[in-house]
Amino acid sequence: MADFFSKLKTGLSKSSGKLGGGIAGIFTKRKLDAASIEALEELLIEADLGAKTAAELVAGLSKGRFDKAISPEEVRGFLAEEIHKILSPFAIPLVPDISKKPAVILVVGVNGNGKTTTIGKLAAQLKGQGMSVMLAAADTFRAAAAEQLQSWGERAGIPVITGPAESDPASVAFRALEEAHAKQYDVLLIDTAGRLQNKANLMEELQKISKVLKKIDAGAPHHVILVLDATTGQNAISQLQAFKEMMNVTGLIVTKLDGTAKGGIVVALARQFALPIHFIGIGEGIDDLNAFQADDFANNIIGL
């Protein structure tokens, strides 16, 4: 656990450096006046918390404190507490219902967001919790996706169902569910394409996958998890909106938080969409996918 805290602190250092350092710069030996409030609001927007959330946070800070001396520590403490309040309802673990045999988890997201790598890490974690796991490489148009997934499968000792290059993704998903069902696997994780530039085709593809899965299990997929890249900042908002139009997204994983000062996007996503945030990614290693903890995240993003 201590190792996770140190990873989180290091991983969020770009975000905390921007926010924590910015707060220190604004409030050292300064009253909470109109100018400092405006500067703080701009800082929060630049960190991708979103304009509405930034306005609400500075309004809350101003209540009873306006025109009074305030320290950077007080500001950071207040913001960490308020961010924790925003995030807390959405820090929800992913708990597959393995009575389904298998629980089907469809993983979606734009290519480049770390989707395939995230699936590999998630599969290894679920196996580590004692579940039997199968992977399906239903992104058949990106040759590297199947190879990447097979590599993760080999590392974790998890079977991977693949299809020929450019074959029908739905047929791969169907065959994988048939096999996972017959062999009574606990969890089936399905990788999908993410070519958002051709949204109509992608929507049709994802909906077809969902439709064929229901031929075997009417409740499948049981989870539709969207993987978002924190380094894209506000683009993550438009990506989530686009995927929500295509599928019933049930939860989020936010990756690459160690490579950005835009960690505030997690707050904006929670505030706007009220979806569970299951995991955050803060590194490249197999163990660098961690269950989302609202209090730890809030403290570390502010630099406490």
C-alpha atoms as a PDB file:
ATOM      1  CA  MET A   1       0.000   0.000   0.000  1.00  0.00           C
ATOM      2  CA  ALA A   2       2.874   2.356   0.832  1.00  0.00           C
ATOM      3  CA  ASP A   3       4.260   1.615  -2.620  1.00  0.00           C
ATOM      4  CA  PHE A   4       0.944   2.670  -4.186  1.00  0.00           C
ATOM      5  CA  PHE A   5       0.914   5.963  -2.245  1.00  0.00           C
ATOM      6  CA  SER A   6       4.435   6.802  -3.384  1.00  0.00           C
ATOM      7  CA  LYS A   7       3.519   5.902  -6.991  1.00  0.00           C
ATOM      8  CA  LEU A   8       0.412   8.077  -6.813  1.00  0.00           C
ATOM      9  CA  LYS A   9       2.345  11.002  -5.365  1.00  0.00           C
ATOM     10  CA  THR A  10       5.021  10.683  -8.050  1.00  0.00           C
ATOM     11  CA  GLY A  11       2.470   9.990 -10.781  1.00  0.00           C
ATOM     12  CA  LEU A  12       0.431  13.087  -9.982  1.00  0.00           C
ATOM     13  CA  SER A  13       3.482  15.301  -9.448  1.00  0.00           C
ATOM     14  CA  LYS A  14       2.937  17.228 -12.709  1.00  0.00           C
ATOM     15  CA  SER A  15      -0.650  18.026 -11.728  1.00  0.00           C
ATOM     16  CA  SER A  16       0.172  18.774  -8.085  1.00  0.00           C
ATOM     17  CA  GLY A  17       3.158  20.886  -9.110  1.00  0.00           C
ATOM     18  CA  LYS A  18       0.948  23.012 -11.314  1.00  0.00           C
ATOM     19  CA  LEU A  19      -1.916  23.341  -8.835  1.00  0.00           C
ATOM     20  CA  GLY A  20      -0.005  23.375  -5.545  1.00  0.00           C
ATOM     21  CA  GLY A  21       2.706  25.636  -6.897  1.00  0.00           C
ATOM     22  CA  GLY A  22       0.152  27.931  -8.487  1.00  0.00           C
ATOM     23  CA  ILE A  23      -1.783  28.264  -5.219  1.00  0.00           C
ATOM     24  CA  ALA A  24       1.409  29.130  -3.339  1.00  0.00           C
ATOM     25  CA  GLY A  25       2.199  31.773  -5.934  1.00  0.00           C
ATOM     26  CA  ILE A  26      -1.243  33.369  -5.678  1.00  0.00           C
ATOM     27  CA  PHE A  27      -1.768  33.368  -1.914  1.00  0.00           C
ATOM     28  CA  THR A  28       1.624  33.995  -0.321  1.00  0.00           C
ATOM     29  CA  LYS A  29       1.106  37.020   1.975  1.00  0.00           C
ATOM     30  CA  ARG A  30      -2.125  37.925   0.242  1.00  0.00           C
ATOM     31  CA  LYS A  31      -5.776  38.450   1.098  1.00  0.00           C
ATOM     32  CA  LEU A  32      -8.593  36.589  -0.562  1.00  0.00           C
ATOM     33  CA  ASP A  33      -9.684  39.421  -2.835  1.00  0.00           C
ATOM     34  CA  ALA A  34     -11.252  39.670  -6.293  1.00  0.00           C
ATOM     35  CA  ALA A  35      -7.864  39.420  -8.051  1.00  0.00           C
ATOM     36  CA  SER A  36      -6.702  36.327  -6.150  1.00  0.00           C
ATOM     37  CA  ILE A  37     -10.094  34.643  -6.653  1.00  0.00           C
ATOM     38  CA  GLU A  38      -9.894  35.267 -10.396  1.00  0.00           C
ATOM     39  CA  ALA A  39      -6.322  33.946 -10.531  1.00  0.00           C
ATOM     40  CA  LEU A  40      -7.318  30.794  -8.615  1.00  0.00           C
ATOM     41  CA  GLU A  41     -10.305  30.179 -10.879  1.00  0.00           C
ATOM     42  CA  GLU A  42      -8.064  30.460 -13.953  1.00  0.00           C
ATOM     43  CA  LEU A  43      -5.568  28.048 -12.388  1.00  0.00           C
ATOM     44  CA  LEU A  44      -8.288  25.455 -11.734  1.00  0.00           C
ATOM     45  CA  ILE A  45      -9.610  25.785 -15.300  1.00  0.00           C
ATOM     46  CA  GLU A  46      -6.065  25.378 -16.702  1.00  0.00           C
ATOM     47  CA  ALA A  47      -5.751  22.158 -14.651  1.00  0.00           C
ATOM     48  CA  ASP A  48      -8.861  20.895 -16.488  1.00  0.00           C
ATOM     49  CA  LEU A  49     -11.278  20.768 -13.551  1.00  0.00           C
ATOM     50  CA  GLY A  50     -13.825  22.495 -15.798  1.00  0.00           C
ATOM     51  CA  ALA A  51     -15.186  26.050 -15.706  1.00  0.00           C
ATOM     52  CA  LYS A  52     -18.338  25.213 -13.711  1.00  0.00           C
ATOM     53  CA  THR A  53     -16.467  23.261 -11.038  1.00  0.00           C
ATOM     54  CA  ALA A  54     -13.772  25.949 -10.809  1.00  0.00           C
ATOM     55  CA  ALA A  55     -16.414  28.663 -10.293  1.00  0.00           C
ATOM     56  CA  GLU A  56     -18.175  26.628  -7.589  1.00  0.00           C
ATOM     57  CA  LEU A  57     -14.926  25.882  -5.758  1.00  0.00           C
ATOM     58  CA  VAL A  58     -13.794  29.516  -5.614  1.00  0.00           C
ATOM     59  CA  ALA A  59     -17.298  30.611  -4.563  1.00  0.00           C
ATOM     60  CA  GLY A  60     -17.180  28.116  -1.695  1.00  0.00           C
ATOM     61  CA  LEU A  61     -13.711  29.289  -0.680  1.00  0.00           C
ATOM     62  CA  SER A  62     -14.852  32.926  -0.696  1.00  0.00           C
ATOM     63  CA  LYS A  63     -17.752  32.312   1.704  1.00  0.00           C
ATOM     64  CA  GLY A  64     -16.848  33.903   5.028  1.00  0.00           C
ATOM     65  CA  ARG A  65     -13.240  34.407   3.986  1.00  0.00           C
ATOM     66  CA  PHE A  66     -13.463  37.282   1.502  1.00  0.00           C
ATOM     67  CA  ASP A  67     -11.087  40.182   2.171  1.00  0.00           C
ATOM     68  CA  LYS A  68      -9.322  38.198   4.900  1.00  0.00           C
ATOM     69  CA  ALA A  69      -5.752  36.903   4.996  1.00  0.00           C
ATOM     70  CA  ILE A  70      -5.519  33.281   3.856  1.00  0.00           C
ATOM     71  CA  SER A  71      -2.557  30.928   3.566  1.00  0.00           C
ATOM     72  CA  PRO A  72      -1.746  28.580   0.677  1.00  0.00           C
ATOM     73  CA  GLU A  73      -2.149  25.679   3.149  1.00  0.00           C
ATOM     74  CA  GLU A  74      -5.713  26.744   3.973  1.00  0.00           C
ATOM     75  CA  VAL A  75      -6.577  27.011   0.270  1.00  0.00           C
ATOM     76  CA  ARG A  76      -5.078  23.612  -0.508  1.00  0.00           C
ATOM     77  CA  GLY A  77      -6.870  22.020   2.457  1.00  0.00           C
ATOM     78  CA  PHE A  78     -10.220  23.475   1.405  1.00  0.00           C
ATOM     79  CA  LEU A  79      -9.817  22.421  -2.239  1.00  0.00           C
ATOM     80  CA  ALA A  80      -8.694  18.890  -1.343  1.00  0.00           C
ATOM     81  CA  GLU A  81     -11.749  18.451   0.885  1.00  0.00           C
ATOM     82  CA  GLU A  82     -14.151  19.758  -1.759  1.00  0.00           C
ATOM     83  CA  ILE A  83     -12.586  17.682  -4.549  1.00  0.00           C
ATOM     84  CA  HIS A  84     -12.862  14.621  -2.313  1.00  0.00           C
ATOM     85  CA  LYS A  85     -16.583  15.372  -1.830  1.00  0.00           C
ATOM     86  CA  ILE A  86     -17.079  15.578  -5.618  1.00  0.00           C
ATOM     87  CA  LEU A  87     -15.168  12.365  -6.348  1.00  0.00           C
ATOM     88  CA  SER A  88     -16.191  10.172  -3.429  1.00  0.00           C
ATOM     89  CA  PRO A  89     -19.570   8.972  -4.808  1.00  0.00           C
ATOM     90  CA  PHE A  90     -17.862   7.770  -8.003  1.00  0.00           C
ATOM     91  CA  ALA A  91     -14.878   5.888  -6.549  1.00  0.00           C
ATOM     92  CA  ILE A  92     -16.549   2.531  -7.146  1.00  0.00           C
ATOM     93  CA  PRO A  93     -14.572  -0.722  -7.442  1.00  0.00           C
ATOM     94  CA  LEU A  94     -15.146  -2.994 -10.428  1.00  0.00           C
ATOM     95  CA  VAL A  95     -16.664  -6.192  -9.015  1.00  0.00           C
ATOM     96  CA  PRO A  96     -17.613  -8.631 -11.805  1.00  0.00           C
ATOM     97  CA  ASP A  97     -20.555 -10.844 -10.883  1.00  0.00           C
ATOM     98  CA  ILE A  98     -18.860 -14.174 -11.507  1.00  0.00           C
ATOM     99  CA  SER A  99     -22.096 -16.086 -10.963  1.00  0.00           C
ATOM    100  CA  LYS A 100     -22.726 -15.106 -14.625  1.00  0.00           C
ATOM    101  CA  LYS A 101     -19.976 -17.475 -15.888  1.00  0.00           C
ATOM    102  CA  PRO A 102     -18.647 -15.445 -17.551  1.00  0.00           C
ATOM    103  CA  ALA A 103     -19.134 -11.824 -16.532  1.00  0.00           C
ATOM    104  CA  VAL A 104     -18.604 -10.058 -19.867  1.00  0.00           C
ATOM    105  CA  ILE A 105     -16.622  -6.806 -19.783  1.00  0.00           C
ATOM    106  CA  LEU A 106     -16.549  -4.860 -23.048  1.00  0.00           C
ATOM    107  CA  VAL A 107     -13.692  -2.338 -23.063  1.00  0.00           C
ATOM    108  CA  VAL A 108     -14.014   0.649 -25.410  1.00  0.00           C
ATOM    109  CA  GLY A 109     -12.012   3.788 -26.104  1.00  0.00           C
ATOM    110  CA  VAL A 110     -10.083   5.726 -28.723  1.00  0.00           C
ATOM    111  CA  ASN A 111      -6.960   4.052 -30.135  1.00  0.00           C
ATOM    112  CA  GLY A 112      -3.923   5.433 -28.346  1.00  0.00           C
ATOM    113  CA  ASN A 113      -5.625   5.797 -24.967  1.00  0.00           C
ATOM    114  CA  GLY A 114      -3.876   2.735 -23.563  1.00  0.00           C
ATOM    115  CA  LYS A 115      -6.932   0.490 -23.905  1.00  0.00           C
ATOM    116  CA  THR A 116      -5.212  -2.774 -24.847  1.00  0.00           C
ATOM    117  CA  THR A 117      -2.492  -2.323 -22.212  1.00  0.00           C
ATOM    118  CA  THR A 118      -5.165  -1.534 -19.614  1.00  0.00           C
ATOM    119  CA  ILE A 119      -7.063  -4.725 -20.501  1.00  0.00           C
ATOM    120  CA  GLY A 120      -3.856  -6.734 -20.012  1.00  0.00           C
ATOM    121  CA  LYS A 121      -3.253  -5.173 -16.588  1.00  0.00           C
ATOM    122  CA  LEU A 122      -6.894  -5.630 -15.562  1.00  0.00           C
ATOM    123  CA  ALA A 123      -6.879  -9.272 -16.663  1.00  0.00           C
ATOM    124  CA  ALA A 124      -3.746  -9.935 -14.580  1.00  0.00           C
ATOM    125  CA  GLN A 125      -5.362  -8.278 -11.536  1.00  0.00           C
ATOM    126  CA  LEU A 126      -8.577 -10.287 -11.834  1.00  0.00           C
ATOM    127  CA  LYS A 127      -6.571 -13.495 -12.186  1.00  0.00           C
ATOM    128  CA  GLY A 128      -4.566 -12.470  -9.124  1.00  0.00           C
ATOM    129  CA  GLN A 129      -7.875 -12.230  -7.227  1.00  0.00           C
ATOM    130  CA  GLY A 130      -8.523 -15.873  -8.049  1.00  0.00           C
ATOM    131  CA  MET A 131     -10.782 -15.474 -11.094  1.00  0.00           C
ATOM    132  CA  SER A 132     -10.410 -17.436 -14.315  1.00  0.00           C
ATOM    133  CA  VAL A 133     -10.103 -14.949 -17.176  1.00  0.00           C
ATOM    134  CA  MET A 134     -10.288 -15.092 -20.977  1.00  0.00           C
ATOM    135  CA  LEU A 135      -9.393 -12.288 -23.397  1.00  0.00           C
ATOM    136  CA  ALA A 136     -10.914 -11.558 -26.823  1.00  0.00           C
ATOM    137  CA  ALA A 137      -9.038  -9.466 -29.400  1.00  0.00           C
ATOM    138  CA  ALA A 138     -12.009  -7.922 -31.228  1.00  0.00           C
ATOM    139  CA  ASP A 139      -9.958  -5.001 -32.581  1.00  0.00           C
ATOM    140  CA  THR A 140      -9.208  -6.888 -35.784  1.00  0.00           C
ATOM    141  CA  PHE A 141      -8.296  -3.842 -37.894  1.00  0.00           C
ATOM    142  CA  ARG A 142      -5.194  -2.859 -35.921  1.00  0.00           C
ATOM    143  CA  ALA A 143      -2.769  -5.759 -36.282  1.00  0.00           C
ATOM    144  CA  ALA A 144      -0.710  -4.638 -33.290  1.00  0.00           C
ATOM    145  CA  ALA A 145      -3.768  -4.816 -31.004  1.00  0.00           C
ATOM    146  CA  ALA A 146      -4.106  -8.609 -31.223  1.00  0.00           C
ATOM    147  CA  GLU A 147      -0.341  -9.106 -30.890  1.00  0.00           C
ATOM    148  CA  GLN A 148      -0.249  -6.776 -27.882  1.00  0.00           C
ATOM    149  CA  LEU A 149      -3.129  -8.589 -26.202  1.00  0.00           C
ATOM    150  CA  GLN A 150      -1.540 -11.977 -26.879  1.00  0.00           C
ATOM    151  CA  SER A 151       1.684 -10.713 -25.301  1.00  0.00           C
ATOM    152  CA  TRP A 152      -0.198  -9.669 -22.158  1.00  0.00           C
ATOM    153  CA  GLY A 153      -2.030 -13.010 -22.161  1.00  0.00           C
ATOM    154  CA  GLU A 154       1.256 -14.923 -22.314  1.00  0.00           C
ATOM    155  CA  ARG A 155       2.735 -12.870 -19.456  1.00  0.00           C
ATOM    156  CA  ALA A 156      -0.263 -13.547 -17.226  1.00  0.00           C
ATOM    157  CA  GLY A 157      -1.034 -17.083 -18.420  1.00  0.00           C
ATOM    158  CA  ILE A 158      -4.439 -16.069 -19.794  1.00  0.00           C
ATOM    159  CA  PRO A 159      -5.941 -17.461 -23.047  1.00  0.00           C
ATOM    160  CA  VAL A 160      -6.626 -14.993 -25.876  1.00  0.00           C
ATOM    161  CA  ILE A 161      -9.191 -15.537 -28.647  1.00  0.00           C
ATOM    162  CA  THR A 162      -8.199 -13.846 -31.921  1.00  0.00           C
ATOM    163  CA  GLY A 163      -9.437 -13.703 -35.502  1.00  0.00           C
ATOM    164  CA  PRO A 164      -7.840 -13.100 -38.905  1.00  0.00           C
ATOM    165  CA  ALA A 165      -6.788  -9.540 -39.704  1.00  0.00           C
ATOM    166  CA  GLU A 166      -9.756  -7.350 -40.732  1.00  0.00           C
ATOM    167  CA  SER A 167     -12.251 -10.123 -39.933  1.00  0.00           C
ATOM    168  CA  ASP A 168     -15.620  -9.322 -38.365  1.00  0.00           C
ATOM    169  CA  PRO A 169     -14.988  -8.174 -34.752  1.00  0.00           C
ATOM    170  CA  ALA A 170     -18.434  -9.428 -33.708  1.00  0.00           C
ATOM    171  CA  SER A 171     -17.554 -12.960 -34.824  1.00  0.00           C
ATOM    172  CA  VAL A 172     -14.433 -12.915 -32.604  1.00  0.00           C
ATOM    173  CA  ALA A 173     -16.478 -11.686 -29.632  1.00  0.00           C
ATOM    174  CA  PHE A 174     -19.173 -14.324 -30.271  1.00  0.00           C
ATOM    175  CA  ARG A 175     -16.644 -17.158 -30.533  1.00  0.00           C
ATOM    176  CA  ALA A 176     -14.887 -15.996 -27.370  1.00  0.00           C
ATOM    177  CA  LEU A 177     -18.134 -15.890 -25.390  1.00  0.00           C
ATOM    178  CA  GLU A 178     -19.117 -19.331 -26.699  1.00  0.00           C
ATOM    179  CA  GLU A 179     -15.807 -20.755 -25.478  1.00  0.00           C
ATOM    180  CA  ALA A 180     -15.762 -18.833 -22.187  1.00  0.00           C
ATOM    181  CA  HIS A 181     -19.339 -19.979 -21.498  1.00  0.00           C
ATOM    182  CA  ALA A 182     -18.611 -23.614 -22.399  1.00  0.00           C
ATOM    183  CA  LYS A 183     -15.471 -23.710 -20.238  1.00  0.00           C
ATOM    184  CA  GLN A 184     -17.137 -21.750 -17.406  1.00  0.00           C
ATOM    185  CA  TYR A 185     -14.625 -18.915 -17.206  1.00  0.00           C
ATOM    186  CA  ASP A 186     -15.401 -16.302 -14.557  1.00  0.00           C
ATOM    187  CA  VAL A 187     -14.629 -13.246 -16.710  1.00  0.00           C
ATOM    188  CA  LEU A 188     -14.394 -12.485 -20.436  1.00  0.00           C
ATOM    189  CA  LEU A 189     -12.640  -9.210 -21.301  1.00  0.00           C
ATOM    190  CA  ILE A 190     -13.235  -7.995 -24.870  1.00  0.00           C
ATOM    191  CA  ASP A 191     -10.927  -5.469 -26.561  1.00  0.00           C
ATOM    192  CA  THR A 192     -12.559  -3.330 -29.285  1.00  0.00           C
ATOM    193  CA  ALA A 193     -11.525  -0.875 -31.984  1.00  0.00           C
ATOM    194  CA  GLY A 194     -11.504   2.841 -31.299  1.00  0.00           C
ATOM    195  CA  ARG A 195     -11.489   4.635 -34.637  1.00  0.00           C
ATOM    196  CA  LEU A 196     -13.549   7.615 -33.512  1.00  0.00           C
ATOM    197  CA  GLN A 197     -12.832   9.555 -36.718  1.00  0.00           C
ATOM    198  CA  ASN A 198     -15.316   7.236 -38.445  1.00  0.00           C
ATOM    199  CA  LYS A 199     -17.962   7.302 -35.756  1.00  0.00           C
ATOM    200  CA  ALA A 200     -20.831   5.800 -37.769  1.00  0.00           C
ATOM    201  CA  ASN A 201     -18.814   2.669 -38.626  1.00  0.00           C
ATOM    202  CA  LEU A 202     -17.538   2.320 -35.066  1.00  0.00           C
ATOM    203  CA  MET A 203     -21.050   2.678 -33.638  1.00  0.00           C
ATOM    204  CA  GLU A 204     -22.330  -0.013 -35.979  1.00  0.00           C
ATOM    205  CA  GLU A 205     -19.422  -2.303 -35.044  1.00  0.00           C
ATOM    206  CA  LEU A 206     -19.877  -1.879 -31.271  1.00  0.00           C
ATOM    207  CA  GLN A 207     -23.633  -2.315 -31.472  1.00  0.00           C
ATOM    208  CA  LYS A 208     -23.184  -5.468 -33.564  1.00  0.00           C
ATOM    209  CA  ILE A 209     -20.789  -6.907 -30.963  1.00  0.00           C
ATOM    210  CA  SER A 210     -23.324  -6.199 -28.231  1.00  0.00           C
ATOM    211  CA  LYS A 211     -26.126  -7.756 -30.299  1.00  0.00           C
ATOM    212  CA  VAL A 212     -24.287 -11.047 -30.992  1.00  0.00           C
ATOM    213  CA  LEU A 213     -23.224 -11.380 -27.350  1.00  0.00           C
ATOM    214  CA  LYS A 214     -26.897 -11.235 -26.356  1.00  0.00           C
ATOM    215  CA  LYS A 215     -27.584 -14.321 -28.488  1.00  0.00           C
ATOM    216  CA  ILE A 216     -25.630 -16.320 -25.902  1.00  0.00           C
ATOM    217  CA  ASP A 217     -26.321 -14.225 -22.780  1.00  0.00           C
ATOM    218  CA  ALA A 218     -29.185 -11.718 -22.857  1.00  0.00           C
ATOM    219  CA  GLY A 219     -27.497  -9.664 -20.128  1.00  0.00           C
ATOM    220  CA  ALA A 220     -24.163  -9.308 -21.927  1.00  0.00           C
ATOM    221  CA  PRO A 221     -22.118  -7.190 -21.911  1.00  0.00           C
ATOM    222  CA  HIS A 222     -22.458  -6.804 -18.147  1.00  0.00           C
ATOM    223  CA  HIS A 223     -19.968  -3.924 -18.043  1.00  0.00           C
ATOM    224  CA  VAL A 224     -18.985  -1.413 -20.749  1.00  0.00           C
ATOM    225  CA  ILE A 225     -15.833   0.323 -19.567  1.00  0.00           C
ATOM    226  CA  LEU A 226     -14.434   3.372 -21.342  1.00  0.00           C
ATOM    227  CA  VAL A 227     -10.671   3.951 -21.167  1.00  0.00           C
ATOM    228  CA  LEU A 228      -9.709   7.640 -21.291  1.00  0.00           C
ATOM    229  CA  ASP A 229      -6.258   9.217 -21.573  1.00  0.00           C
ATOM    230  CA  ALA A 230      -5.737  12.007 -19.008  1.00  0.00           C
ATOM    231  CA  THR A 231      -3.140  13.721 -21.222  1.00  0.00           C
ATOM    232  CA  THR A 232      -5.908  14.663 -23.678  1.00  0.00           C
ATOM    233  CA  GLY A 233      -7.509  16.966 -21.085  1.00  0.00           C
ATOM    234  CA  GLN A 234     -10.854  18.350 -22.234  1.00  0.00           C
ATOM    235  CA  ASN A 235     -10.864  15.981 -25.242  1.00  0.00           C
ATOM    236  CA  ALA A 236     -11.710  13.229 -22.752  1.00  0.00           C
ATOM    237  CA  ILE A 237     -15.074  14.965 -22.215  1.00  0.00           C
ATOM    238  CA  SER A 238     -15.964  14.868 -25.914  1.00  0.00           C
ATOM    239  CA  GLN A 239     -14.759  11.257 -26.184  1.00  0.00           C
ATOM    240  CA  LEU A 240     -17.024  10.195 -23.325  1.00  0.00           C
ATOM    241  CA  GLN A 241     -19.963  12.041 -24.887  1.00  0.00           C
ATOM    242  CA  ALA A 242     -19.324  10.266 -28.215  1.00  0.00           C
ATOM    243  CA  PHE A 243     -19.103   6.786 -26.675  1.00  0.00           C
ATOM    244  CA  LYS A 244     -22.186   7.375 -24.524  1.00  0.00           C
ATOM    245  CA  GLU A 245     -24.110   7.947 -27.767  1.00  0.00           C
ATOM    246  CA  MET A 246     -22.934   4.552 -29.038  1.00  0.00           C
ATOM    247  CA  MET A 247     -23.086   2.374 -25.928  1.00  0.00           C
ATOM    248  CA  ASN A 248     -24.387   2.286 -22.380  1.00  0.00           C
ATOM    249  CA  VAL A 249     -21.038   3.121 -20.759  1.00  0.00           C
ATOM    250  CA  THR A 250     -21.101   1.769 -17.192  1.00  0.00           C
ATOM    251  CA  GLY A 251     -17.726   2.903 -15.855  1.00  0.00           C
ATOM    252  CA  LEU A 252     -14.391   4.607 -16.537  1.00  0.00           C
ATOM    253  CA  ILE A 253     -10.665   3.934 -16.341  1.00  0.00           C
ATOM    254  CA  VAL A 254      -8.410   7.003 -16.647  1.00  0.00           C
ATOM    255  CA  THR A 255      -4.868   6.279 -17.856  1.00  0.00           C
ATOM    256  CA  LYS A 256      -1.547   8.148 -18.214  1.00  0.00           C
ATOM    257  CA  LEU A 257      -2.059  10.359 -15.165  1.00  0.00           C
ATOM    258  CA  ASP A 258       1.698  10.210 -14.616  1.00  0.00           C
ATOM    259  CA  GLY A 259       2.333  11.990 -17.918  1.00  0.00           C
ATOM    260  CA  THR A 260       0.222  15.108 -17.529  1.00  0.00           C
ATOM    261  CA  ALA A 261      -0.527  18.247 -15.523  1.00  0.00           C
ATOM    262  CA  LYS A 262      -4.184  17.787 -16.546  1.00  0.00           C
ATOM    263  CA  GLY A 263      -5.159  15.449 -13.684  1.00  0.00           C
ATOM    264  CA  GLY A 264      -8.085  17.733 -12.901  1.00  0.00           C
ATOM    265  CA  ILE A 265      -9.905  16.119 -15.838  1.00  0.00           C
ATOM    266  CA  VAL A 266     -10.874  13.292 -13.452  1.00  0.00           C
ATOM    267  CA  VAL A 267     -12.836  15.833 -11.400  1.00  0.00           C
ATOM    268  CA  ALA A 268     -14.496  17.278 -14.515  1.00  0.00           C
ATOM    269  CA  LEU A 269     -15.522  13.798 -15.729  1.00  0.00           C
ATOM    270  CA  ALA A 270     -17.056  12.861 -12.370  1.00  0.00           C
ATOM    271  CA  ARG A 271     -18.838  16.193 -12.069  1.00  0.00           C
ATOM    272  CA  GLN A 272     -20.325  16.135 -15.571  1.00  0.00           C
ATOM    273  CA  PHE A 273     -21.162  12.464 -16.136  1.00  0.00           C
ATOM    274  CA  ALA A 274     -21.598  10.901 -12.673  1.00  0.00           C
ATOM    275  CA  LEU A 275     -20.134   7.564 -13.825  1.00  0.00           C
ATOM    276  CA  PRO A 276     -18.125   5.159 -11.648  1.00  0.00           C
ATOM    277  CA  ILE A 277     -14.357   5.627 -11.919  1.00  0.00           C
ATOM    278  CA  HIS A 278     -13.009   2.122 -11.356  1.00  0.00           C
ATOM    279  CA  PHE A 279      -9.258   2.531 -11.896  1.00  0.00           C
ATOM    280  CA  ILE A 280      -6.534   5.028 -12.667  1.00  0.00           C
ATOM    281  CA  GLY A 281      -3.313   4.261 -14.544  1.00  0.00           C
ATOM    282  CA  ILE A 282      -0.107   5.793 -13.182  1.00  0.00           C
ATOM    283  CA  GLY A 283       2.640   3.868 -14.984  1.00  0.00           C
ATOM    284  CA  GLU A 284       3.545   1.263 -17.585  1.00  0.00           C
ATOM    285  CA  GLY A 285       4.068  -1.773 -15.339  1.00  0.00           C
ATOM    286  CA  ILE A 286       1.599  -4.631 -14.909  1.00  0.00           C
ATOM    287  CA  ASP A 287       0.853  -3.397 -11.349  1.00  0.00           C
ATOM    288  CA  ASP A 288       0.365   0.248 -12.346  1.00  0.00           C
ATOM    289  CA  LEU A 289      -3.413   0.070 -12.655  1.00  0.00           C
ATOM    290  CA  ASN A 290      -4.871   1.011  -9.293  1.00  0.00           C
ATOM    291  CA  ALA A 291      -8.357   1.125  -7.838  1.00  0.00           C
ATOM    292  CA  PHE A 292      -9.502   4.746  -7.719  1.00  0.00           C
ATOM    293  CA  GLN A 293      -9.424   6.228  -4.187  1.00  0.00           C
ATOM    294  CA  ALA A 294     -11.076   9.652  -3.945  1.00  0.00           C
ATOM    295  CA  ASP A 295      -9.288  10.890  -0.799  1.00  0.00           C
ATOM    296  CA  ASP A 296      -5.790   9.905  -1.944  1.00  0.00           C
ATOM    297  CA  PHE A 297      -6.391  11.405  -5.375  1.00  0.00           C
ATOM    298  CA  ALA A 298      -7.771  14.685  -3.984  1.00  0.00           C
ATOM    299  CA  ASN A 299      -4.859  15.151  -1.577  1.00  0.00           C
ATOM    300  CA  ASN A 300      -2.190  14.302  -4.116  1.00  0.00           C
ATOM    301  CA  ILE A 301      -3.551  16.418  -6.959  1.00  0.00           C
ATOM    302  CA  ILE A 302      -3.506  19.479  -4.689  1.00  0.00           C
ATOM    303  CA  GLY A 303      -0.058  18.635  -3.326  1.00  0.00           C
ATOM    304  CA  LEU A 304      -0.916  17.720   0.262  1.00  0.00           C
END
